[in-house]
């Protein structure tokens, strides 16, 4: 699963708008939008800022990413969201 798409799922599960998350992470709204759509790839530093702004640690982020990929849920938003909520919250 693309990291940007997973960021979107975490952002939604944290009830954050693109504007709010971009403000918290110190990036532009357009950058975050392109990242979530898979048009850009985040540097490791920016990924740390984004997940940190949502109070997520990298271990949890990667654990969720691995569970989604293991179960082949990449195309099913509802199942991805369920895994995020189950693991993260």
PDB file of N, CA and C in Angstrom:
ATOM      1  N   UNK A   1       0.846  -1.183   0.000  1.00  0.00           N
ATOM      2  CA  UNK A   1       0.000   0.000   0.000  1.00  0.00           C
ATOM      3  C   UNK A   1       0.883   1.235   0.000  1.00  0.00           C
ATOM      4  N   UNK A   2       0.515   2.195  -0.819  1.00  0.00           N
ATOM      5  CA  UNK A   2       1.265   3.440  -0.859  1.00  0.00           C
ATOM      6  C   UNK A   2       1.133   4.167   0.475  1.00  0.00           C
ATOM      7  N   UNK A   3       2.243   4.727   0.925  1.00  0.00           N
ATOM      8  CA  UNK A   3       2.245   5.412   2.209  1.00  0.00           C
ATOM      9  C   UNK A   3       1.276   6.584   2.232  1.00  0.00           C
ATOM     10  N   UNK A   4       1.150   7.293   1.113  1.00  0.00           N
ATOM     11  CA  UNK A   4       0.229   8.425   1.052  1.00  0.00           C
ATOM     12  C   UNK A   4      -1.217   8.021   1.281  1.00  0.00           C
ATOM     13  N   UNK A   5      -1.598   6.895   0.712  1.00  0.00           N
ATOM     14  CA  UNK A   5      -2.971   6.413   0.903  1.00  0.00           C
ATOM     15  C   UNK A   5      -3.202   6.015   2.353  1.00  0.00           C
ATOM     16  N   UNK A   6      -2.188   5.413   2.968  1.00  0.00           N
ATOM     17  CA  UNK A   6      -2.316   5.038   4.375  1.00  0.00           C
ATOM     18  C   UNK A   6      -2.353   6.290   5.257  1.00  0.00           C
ATOM     19  N   UNK A   7      -1.583   7.294   4.906  1.00  0.00           N
ATOM     20  CA  UNK A   7      -1.642   8.562   5.647  1.00  0.00           C
ATOM     21  C   UNK A   7      -3.058   9.129   5.611  1.00  0.00           C
ATOM     22  N   UNK A   8      -3.696   9.044   4.449  1.00  0.00           N
ATOM     23  CA  UNK A   8      -5.071   9.542   4.314  1.00  0.00           C
ATOM     24  C   UNK A   8      -6.015   8.808   5.263  1.00  0.00           C
ATOM     25  N   UNK A   9      -5.856   7.494   5.342  1.00  0.00           N
ATOM     26  CA  UNK A   9      -6.717   6.704   6.218  1.00  0.00           C
ATOM     27  C   UNK A   9      -6.480   7.085   7.681  1.00  0.00           C
ATOM     28  N   UNK A  10      -5.224   7.239   8.067  1.00  0.00           N
ATOM     29  CA  UNK A  10      -4.924   7.677   9.435  1.00  0.00           C
ATOM     30  C   UNK A  10      -5.460   9.092   9.676  1.00  0.00           C
ATOM     31  N   UNK A  11      -5.316   9.981   8.693  1.00  0.00           N
ATOM     32  CA  UNK A  11      -5.811  11.348   8.846  1.00  0.00           C
ATOM     33  C   UNK A  11      -7.315  11.350   9.081  1.00  0.00           C
ATOM     34  N   UNK A  12      -8.033  10.576   8.292  1.00  0.00           N
ATOM     35  CA  UNK A  12      -9.484  10.498   8.432  1.00  0.00           C
ATOM     36  C   UNK A  12      -9.864   9.878   9.772  1.00  0.00           C
ATOM     37  N   UNK A  13      -9.152   8.836  10.180  1.00  0.00           N
ATOM     38  CA  UNK A  13      -9.470   8.197  11.460  1.00  0.00           C
ATOM     39  C   UNK A  13      -9.176   9.114  12.641  1.00  0.00           C
ATOM     40  N   UNK A  14      -8.298  10.094  12.439  1.00  0.00           N
ATOM     41  CA  UNK A  14      -8.009  11.089  13.471  1.00  0.00           C
ATOM     42  C   UNK A  14      -8.875  12.336  13.338  1.00  0.00           C
ATOM     43  N   UNK A  15      -9.823  12.303  12.404  1.00  0.00           N
ATOM     44  CA  UNK A  15     -10.752  13.405  12.175  1.00  0.00           C
ATOM     45  C   UNK A  15     -10.016  14.717  11.895  1.00  0.00           C
ATOM     46  N   UNK A  16      -8.981  14.628  11.051  1.00  0.00           N
ATOM     47  CA  UNK A  16      -8.203  15.802  10.674  1.00  0.00           C
ATOM     48  C   UNK A  16      -8.464  16.158   9.211  1.00  0.00           C
ATOM     49  N   UNK A  17      -8.568  17.442   8.948  1.00  0.00           N
ATOM     50  CA  UNK A  17      -8.675  17.889   7.566  1.00  0.00           C
ATOM     51  C   UNK A  17      -7.274  17.944   6.967  1.00  0.00           C
ATOM     52  N   UNK A  18      -7.222  18.037   5.647  1.00  0.00           N
ATOM     53  CA  UNK A  18      -5.929  18.206   4.989  1.00  0.00           C
ATOM     54  C   UNK A  18      -5.277  19.502   5.472  1.00  0.00           C
ATOM     55  N   UNK A  19      -6.076  20.537   5.625  1.00  0.00           N
ATOM     56  CA  UNK A  19      -5.540  21.821   6.087  1.00  0.00           C
ATOM     57  C   UNK A  19      -4.899  21.694   7.467  1.00  0.00           C
ATOM     58  N   UNK A  20      -5.588  21.034   8.362  1.00  0.00           N
ATOM     59  CA  UNK A  20      -5.078  20.920   9.739  1.00  0.00           C
ATOM     60  C   UNK A  20      -3.816  20.070   9.788  1.00  0.00           C
ATOM     61  N   UNK A  21      -3.811  18.930   9.110  1.00  0.00           N
ATOM     62  CA  UNK A  21      -2.630  18.074   9.143  1.00  0.00           C
ATOM     63  C   UNK A  21      -1.445  18.761   8.478  1.00  0.00           C
ATOM     64  N   UNK A  22      -1.677  19.444   7.374  1.00  0.00           N
ATOM     65  CA  UNK A  22      -0.562  20.137   6.711  1.00  0.00           C
ATOM     66  C   UNK A  22       0.000  21.223   7.618  1.00  0.00           C
ATOM     67  N   UNK A  23      -0.868  21.893   8.335  1.00  0.00           N
ATOM     68  CA  UNK A  23      -0.424  22.912   9.292  1.00  0.00           C
ATOM     69  C   UNK A  23       0.410  22.280  10.414  1.00  0.00           C
ATOM     70  N   UNK A  24      -0.080  21.180  10.979  1.00  0.00           N
ATOM     71  CA  UNK A  24       0.626  20.508  12.075  1.00  0.00           C
ATOM     72  C   UNK A  24       1.984  19.954  11.638  1.00  0.00           C
ATOM     73  N   UNK A  25       2.048  19.466  10.405  1.00  0.00           N
ATOM     74  CA  UNK A  25       3.280  18.829   9.910  1.00  0.00           C
ATOM     75  C   UNK A  25       4.223  19.806   9.225  1.00  0.00           C
ATOM     76  N   UNK A  26       3.747  21.008   8.935  1.00  0.00           N
ATOM     77  CA  UNK A  26       4.588  22.003   8.294  1.00  0.00           C
ATOM     78  C   UNK A  26       4.800  21.772   6.810  1.00  0.00           C
ATOM     79  N   UNK A  27       3.740  21.353   6.126  1.00  0.00           N
ATOM     80  CA  UNK A  27       3.820  21.195   4.670  1.00  0.00           C
ATOM     81  C   UNK A  27       2.607  21.869   4.043  1.00  0.00           C
ATOM     82  N   UNK A  28       2.631  22.011   2.745  1.00  0.00           N
ATOM     83  CA  UNK A  28       1.502  22.662   2.071  1.00  0.00           C
ATOM     84  C   UNK A  28       0.344  21.682   1.882  1.00  0.00           C
ATOM     85  N   UNK A  29      -0.852  22.257   1.750  1.00  0.00           N
ATOM     86  CA  UNK A  29      -2.039  21.428   1.493  1.00  0.00           C
ATOM     87  C   UNK A  29      -1.912  20.718   0.155  1.00  0.00           C
ATOM     88  N   UNK A  30      -1.373  21.406  -0.836  1.00  0.00           N
ATOM     89  CA  UNK A  30      -1.255  20.781  -2.160  1.00  0.00           C
ATOM     90  C   UNK A  30      -0.270  19.610  -2.121  1.00  0.00           C
ATOM     91  N   UNK A  31       0.806  19.751  -1.373  1.00  0.00           N
ATOM     92  CA  UNK A  31       1.769  18.650  -1.239  1.00  0.00           C
ATOM     93  C   UNK A  31       1.102  17.436  -0.589  1.00  0.00           C
ATOM     94  N   UNK A  32       0.379  17.672   0.498  1.00  0.00           N
ATOM     95  CA  UNK A  32      -0.287  16.573   1.205  1.00  0.00           C
ATOM     96  C   UNK A  32      -1.343  15.912   0.318  1.00  0.00           C
ATOM     97  N   UNK A  33      -2.073  16.714  -0.446  1.00  0.00           N
ATOM     98  CA  UNK A  33      -3.073  16.159  -1.366  1.00  0.00           C
ATOM     99  C   UNK A  33      -2.418  15.259  -2.403  1.00  0.00           C
ATOM    100  N   UNK A  34      -1.324  15.714  -2.986  1.00  0.00           N
ATOM    101  CA  UNK A  34      -0.620  14.907  -3.987  1.00  0.00           C
ATOM    102  C   UNK A  34      -0.022  13.652  -3.358  1.00  0.00           C
ATOM    103  N   UNK A  35       0.439  13.774  -2.141  1.00  0.00           N
ATOM    104  CA  UNK A  35       0.978  12.621  -1.425  1.00  0.00           C
ATOM    105  C   UNK A  35      -0.111  11.577  -1.199  1.00  0.00           C
ATOM    106  N   UNK A  36      -1.276  12.016  -0.730  1.00  0.00           N
ATOM    107  CA  UNK A  36      -2.378  11.090  -0.469  1.00  0.00           C
ATOM    108  C   UNK A  36      -2.893  10.433  -1.751  1.00  0.00           C
ATOM    109  N   UNK A  37      -2.799  11.123  -2.859  1.00  0.00           N
ATOM    110  CA  UNK A  37      -3.243  10.561  -4.135  1.00  0.00           C
ATOM    111  C   UNK A  37      -2.190   9.672  -4.786  1.00  0.00           C
ATOM    112  N   UNK A  38      -1.005   9.598  -4.180  1.00  0.00           N
ATOM    113  CA  UNK A  38       0.061   8.765  -4.730  1.00  0.00           C
ATOM    114  C   UNK A  38       0.857   9.426  -5.829  1.00  0.00           C
ATOM    115  N   UNK A  39       0.688  10.736  -6.000  1.00  0.00           N
ATOM    116  CA  UNK A  39       1.415  11.460  -7.041  1.00  0.00           C
ATOM    117  C   UNK A  39       2.800  11.897  -6.580  1.00  0.00           C
ATOM    118  N   UNK A  40       3.007  11.905  -5.272  1.00  0.00           N
ATOM    119  CA  UNK A  40       4.307  12.243  -4.686  1.00  0.00           C
ATOM    120  C   UNK A  40       4.650  11.186  -3.643  1.00  0.00           C
ATOM    121  N   UNK A  41       5.943  11.106  -3.336  1.00  0.00           N
ATOM    122  CA  UNK A  41       6.421  10.210  -2.293  1.00  0.00           C
ATOM    123  C   UNK A  41       7.070  11.058  -1.210  1.00  0.00           C
ATOM    124  N   UNK A  42       6.732  10.782   0.036  1.00  0.00           N
ATOM    125  CA  UNK A  42       7.281  11.559   1.148  1.00  0.00           C
ATOM    126  C   UNK A  42       8.695  11.100   1.478  1.00  0.00           C
ATOM    127  N   UNK A  43       9.537  12.061   1.820  1.00  0.00           N
ATOM    128  CA  UNK A  43      10.859  11.714   2.343  1.00  0.00           C
ATOM    129  C   UNK A  43      10.654  11.100   3.729  1.00  0.00           C
ATOM    130  N   UNK A  44      11.649  10.432   4.238  1.00  0.00           N
ATOM    131  CA  UNK A  44      11.513   9.833   5.569  1.00  0.00           C
ATOM    132  C   UNK A  44      11.295  10.918   6.626  1.00  0.00           C
ATOM    133  N   UNK A  45      11.899  12.071   6.436  1.00  0.00           N
ATOM    134  CA  UNK A  45      11.716  13.170   7.384  1.00  0.00           C
ATOM    135  C   UNK A  45      10.277  13.679   7.371  1.00  0.00           C
ATOM    136  N   UNK A  46       9.726  13.847   6.157  1.00  0.00           N
ATOM    137  CA  UNK A  46       8.342  14.326   6.063  1.00  0.00           C
ATOM    138  C   UNK A  46       7.363  13.287   6.575  1.00  0.00           C
ATOM    139  N   UNK A  47       7.619  12.023   6.293  1.00  0.00           N
ATOM    140  CA  UNK A  47       6.758  10.962   6.812  1.00  0.00           C
ATOM    141  C   UNK A  47       6.760  10.993   8.338  1.00  0.00           C
ATOM    142  N   UNK A  48       7.929  11.166   8.934  1.00  0.00           N
ATOM    143  CA  UNK A  48       8.021  11.277  10.394  1.00  0.00           C
ATOM    144  C   UNK A  48       7.206  12.459  10.909  1.00  0.00           C
ATOM    145  N   UNK A  49       7.279  13.598  10.225  1.00  0.00           N
ATOM    146  CA  UNK A  49       6.519  14.774  10.644  1.00  0.00           C
ATOM    147  C   UNK A  49       5.017  14.527  10.552  1.00  0.00           C
ATOM    148  N   UNK A  50       4.589  13.909   9.456  1.00  0.00           N
ATOM    149  CA  UNK A  50       3.163  13.670   9.254  1.00  0.00           C
ATOM    150  C   UNK A  50       2.600  12.683  10.268  1.00  0.00           C
ATOM    151  N   UNK A  51       3.282  11.576  10.457  1.00  0.00           N
ATOM    152  CA  UNK A  51       2.736  10.601  11.414  1.00  0.00           C
ATOM    153  C   UNK A  51       2.890  11.105  12.847  1.00  0.00           C
ATOM    154  N   UNK A  52       3.957  11.871  13.091  1.00  0.00           N
ATOM    155  CA  UNK A  52       4.128  12.469  14.416  1.00  0.00           C
ATOM    156  C   UNK A  52       3.042  13.480  14.733  1.00  0.00           C
ATOM    157  N   UNK A  53       2.613  14.229  13.722  1.00  0.00           N
ATOM    158  CA  UNK A  53       1.542  15.212  13.906  1.00  0.00           C
ATOM    159  C   UNK A  53       0.227  14.542  14.286  1.00  0.00           C
ATOM    160  N   UNK A  54       0.099  13.257  13.956  1.00  0.00           N
ATOM    161  CA  UNK A  54      -1.111  12.503  14.308  1.00  0.00           C
ATOM    162  C   UNK A  54      -0.888  11.622  15.531  1.00  0.00           C
ATOM    163  N   UNK A  55       0.248  11.802  16.194  1.00  0.00           N
ATOM    164  CA  UNK A  55       0.614  11.016  17.384  1.00  0.00           C
ATOM    165  C   UNK A  55       0.673   9.519  17.097  1.00  0.00           C
ATOM    166  N   UNK A  56       1.229   9.203  15.948  1.00  0.00           N
ATOM    167  CA  UNK A  56       1.418   7.810  15.550  1.00  0.00           C
ATOM    168  C   UNK A  56       2.912   7.543  15.541  1.00  0.00           C
ATOM    169  N   UNK A  57       3.317   6.387  16.048  1.00  0.00           N
ATOM    170  CA  UNK A  57       4.738   6.059  15.938  1.00  0.00           C
ATOM    171  C   UNK A  57       4.961   5.219  14.686  1.00  0.00           C
ATOM    172  N   UNK A  58       6.190   5.202  14.221  1.00  0.00           N
ATOM    173  CA  UNK A  58       6.515   4.516  12.962  1.00  0.00           C
ATOM    174  C   UNK A  58       6.227   3.025  13.051  1.00  0.00           C
ATOM    175  N   UNK A  59       6.404   2.434  14.227  1.00  0.00           N
ATOM    176  CA  UNK A  59       6.134   1.004  14.401  1.00  0.00           C
ATOM    177  C   UNK A  59       4.655   0.705  14.125  1.00  0.00           C
ATOM    178  N   UNK A  60       3.770   1.509  14.660  1.00  0.00           N
ATOM    179  CA  UNK A  60       2.334   1.316  14.429  1.00  0.00           C
ATOM    180  C   UNK A  60       1.998   1.523  12.961  1.00  0.00           C
ATOM    181  N   UNK A  61       2.546   2.568  12.356  1.00  0.00           N
ATOM    182  CA  UNK A  61       2.295   2.860  10.947  1.00  0.00           C
ATOM    183  C   UNK A  61       2.691   1.666  10.082  1.00  0.00           C
ATOM    184  N   UNK A  62       3.894   1.134  10.311  1.00  0.00           N
ATOM    185  CA  UNK A  62       4.374   0.003   9.513  1.00  0.00           C
ATOM    186  C   UNK A  62       3.604  -1.282   9.812  1.00  0.00           C
ATOM    187  N   UNK A  63       3.186  -1.458  11.064  1.00  0.00           N
ATOM    188  CA  UNK A  63       2.388  -2.635  11.419  1.00  0.00           C
ATOM    189  C   UNK A  63       1.060  -2.635  10.665  1.00  0.00           C
ATOM    190  N   UNK A  64       0.412  -1.491  10.621  1.00  0.00           N
ATOM    191  CA  UNK A  64      -0.855  -1.371   9.886  1.00  0.00           C
ATOM    192  C   UNK A  64      -0.618  -1.596   8.396  1.00  0.00           C
ATOM    193  N   UNK A  65       0.424  -0.976   7.852  1.00  0.00           N
ATOM    194  CA  UNK A  65       0.757  -1.135   6.433  1.00  0.00           C
ATOM    195  C   UNK A  65       0.964  -2.605   6.091  1.00  0.00           C
ATOM    196  N   UNK A  66       1.701  -3.320   6.932  1.00  0.00           N
ATOM    197  CA  UNK A  66       1.966  -4.741   6.698  1.00  0.00           C
ATOM    198  C   UNK A  66       0.695  -5.587   6.782  1.00  0.00           C
ATOM    199  N   UNK A  67      -0.183  -5.292   7.742  1.00  0.00           N
ATOM    200  CA  UNK A  67      -1.435  -6.052   7.864  1.00  0.00           C
ATOM    201  C   UNK A  67      -2.325  -5.845   6.645  1.00  0.00           C
ATOM    202  N   UNK A  68      -2.391  -4.623   6.159  1.00  0.00           N
ATOM    203  CA  UNK A  68      -3.203  -4.340   4.977  1.00  0.00           C
ATOM    204  C   UNK A  68      -2.646  -5.084   3.772  1.00  0.00           C
ATOM    205  N   UNK A  69      -1.330  -5.035   3.597  1.00  0.00           N
ATOM    206  CA  UNK A  69      -0.713  -5.712   2.456  1.00  0.00           C
ATOM    207  C   UNK A  69      -0.827  -7.227   2.581  1.00  0.00           C
ATOM    208  N   UNK A  70      -0.654  -7.762   3.777  1.00  0.00           N
ATOM    209  CA  UNK A  70      -0.740  -9.208   4.001  1.00  0.00           C
ATOM    210  C   UNK A  70      -2.126  -9.738   3.632  1.00  0.00           C
ATOM    211  N   UNK A  71      -3.150  -8.957   3.934  1.00  0.00           N
ATOM    212  CA  UNK A  71      -4.530  -9.378   3.664  1.00  0.00           C
ATOM    213  C   UNK A  71      -5.049  -8.910   2.311  1.00  0.00           C
ATOM    214  N   UNK A  72      -4.198  -8.223   1.541  1.00  0.00           N
ATOM    215  CA  UNK A  72      -4.575  -7.735   0.201  1.00  0.00           C
ATOM    216  C   UNK A  72      -5.788  -6.812   0.237  1.00  0.00           C
ATOM    217  N   UNK A  73      -5.806  -5.900   1.209  1.00  0.00           N
ATOM    218  CA  UNK A  73      -6.918  -4.964   1.368  1.00  0.00           C
ATOM    219  C   UNK A  73      -6.633  -3.601   0.751  1.00  0.00           C
ATOM    220  N   UNK A  74      -5.580  -3.467  -0.020  1.00  0.00           N
ATOM    221  CA  UNK A  74      -5.158  -2.162  -0.520  1.00  0.00           C
ATOM    222  C   UNK A  74      -6.269  -1.401  -1.240  1.00  0.00           C
ATOM    223  N   UNK A  75      -7.145  -2.085  -1.919  1.00  0.00           N
ATOM    224  CA  UNK A  75      -8.193  -1.432  -2.710  1.00  0.00           C
ATOM    225  C   UNK A  75      -9.508  -1.283  -1.954  1.00  0.00           C
ATOM    226  N   UNK A  76      -9.574  -1.769  -0.722  1.00  0.00           N
ATOM    227  CA  UNK A  76     -10.819  -1.732   0.043  1.00  0.00           C
ATOM    228  C   UNK A  76     -10.674  -0.744   1.198  1.00  0.00           C
ATOM    229  N   UNK A  77     -11.161   0.480   0.975  1.00  0.00           N
ATOM    230  CA  UNK A  77     -10.996   1.542   1.962  1.00  0.00           C
ATOM    231  C   UNK A  77     -11.587   1.157   3.317  1.00  0.00           C
ATOM    232  N   UNK A  78     -12.766   0.571   3.334  1.00  0.00           N
ATOM    233  CA  UNK A  78     -13.423   0.222   4.595  1.00  0.00           C
ATOM    234  C   UNK A  78     -12.601  -0.783   5.405  1.00  0.00           C
ATOM    235  N   UNK A  79     -12.054  -1.790   4.740  1.00  0.00           N
ATOM    236  CA  UNK A  79     -11.239  -2.777   5.449  1.00  0.00           C
ATOM    237  C   UNK A  79      -9.939  -2.158   5.946  1.00  0.00           C
ATOM    238  N   UNK A  80      -9.364  -1.266   5.157  1.00  0.00           N
ATOM    239  CA  UNK A  80      -8.150  -0.561   5.590  1.00  0.00           C
ATOM    240  C   UNK A  80      -8.446   0.283   6.830  1.00  0.00           C
ATOM    241  N   UNK A  81      -9.554   0.995   6.791  1.00  0.00           N
ATOM    242  CA  UNK A  81      -9.943   1.816   7.926  1.00  0.00           C
ATOM    243  C   UNK A  81     -10.182   0.957   9.159  1.00  0.00           C
ATOM    244  N   UNK A  82     -10.821  -0.189   8.984  1.00  0.00           N
ATOM    245  CA  UNK A  82     -11.053  -1.102  10.104  1.00  0.00           C
ATOM    246  C   UNK A  82      -9.729  -1.532  10.740  1.00  0.00           C
ATOM    247  N   UNK A  83      -8.752  -1.881   9.918  1.00  0.00           N
ATOM    248  CA  UNK A  83      -7.452  -2.308  10.461  1.00  0.00           C
ATOM    249  C   UNK A  83      -6.779  -1.152  11.194  1.00  0.00           C
ATOM    250  N   UNK A  84      -6.849   0.040  10.630  1.00  0.00           N
ATOM    251  CA  UNK A  84      -6.263   1.204  11.301  1.00  0.00           C
ATOM    252  C   UNK A  84      -6.899   1.393  12.670  1.00  0.00           C
ATOM    253  N   UNK A  85      -8.217   1.360  12.711  1.00  0.00           N
ATOM    254  CA  UNK A  85      -8.913   1.568  13.972  1.00  0.00           C
ATOM    255  C   UNK A  85      -8.631   0.450  14.968  1.00  0.00           C
ATOM    256  N   UNK A  86      -8.547  -0.771  14.487  1.00  0.00           N
ATOM    257  CA  UNK A  86      -8.294  -1.909  15.359  1.00  0.00           C
ATOM    258  C   UNK A  86      -6.887  -1.866  15.957  1.00  0.00           C
ATOM    259  N   UNK A  87      -5.906  -1.561  15.156  1.00  0.00           N
ATOM    260  CA  UNK A  87      -4.512  -1.561  15.603  1.00  0.00           C
ATOM    261  C   UNK A  87      -4.164  -0.279  16.345  1.00  0.00           C
ATOM    262  N   UNK A  88      -4.634   0.837  15.813  1.00  0.00           N
ATOM    263  CA  UNK A  88      -4.206   2.147  16.296  1.00  0.00           C
ATOM    264  C   UNK A  88      -4.992   2.636  17.502  1.00  0.00           C
ATOM    265  N   UNK A  89      -6.285   2.470  17.481  1.00  0.00           N
ATOM    266  CA  UNK A  89      -7.102   3.041  18.557  1.00  0.00           C
ATOM    267  C   UNK A  89      -7.489   2.069  19.620  1.00  0.00           C
TER     268      UNK A  89
END
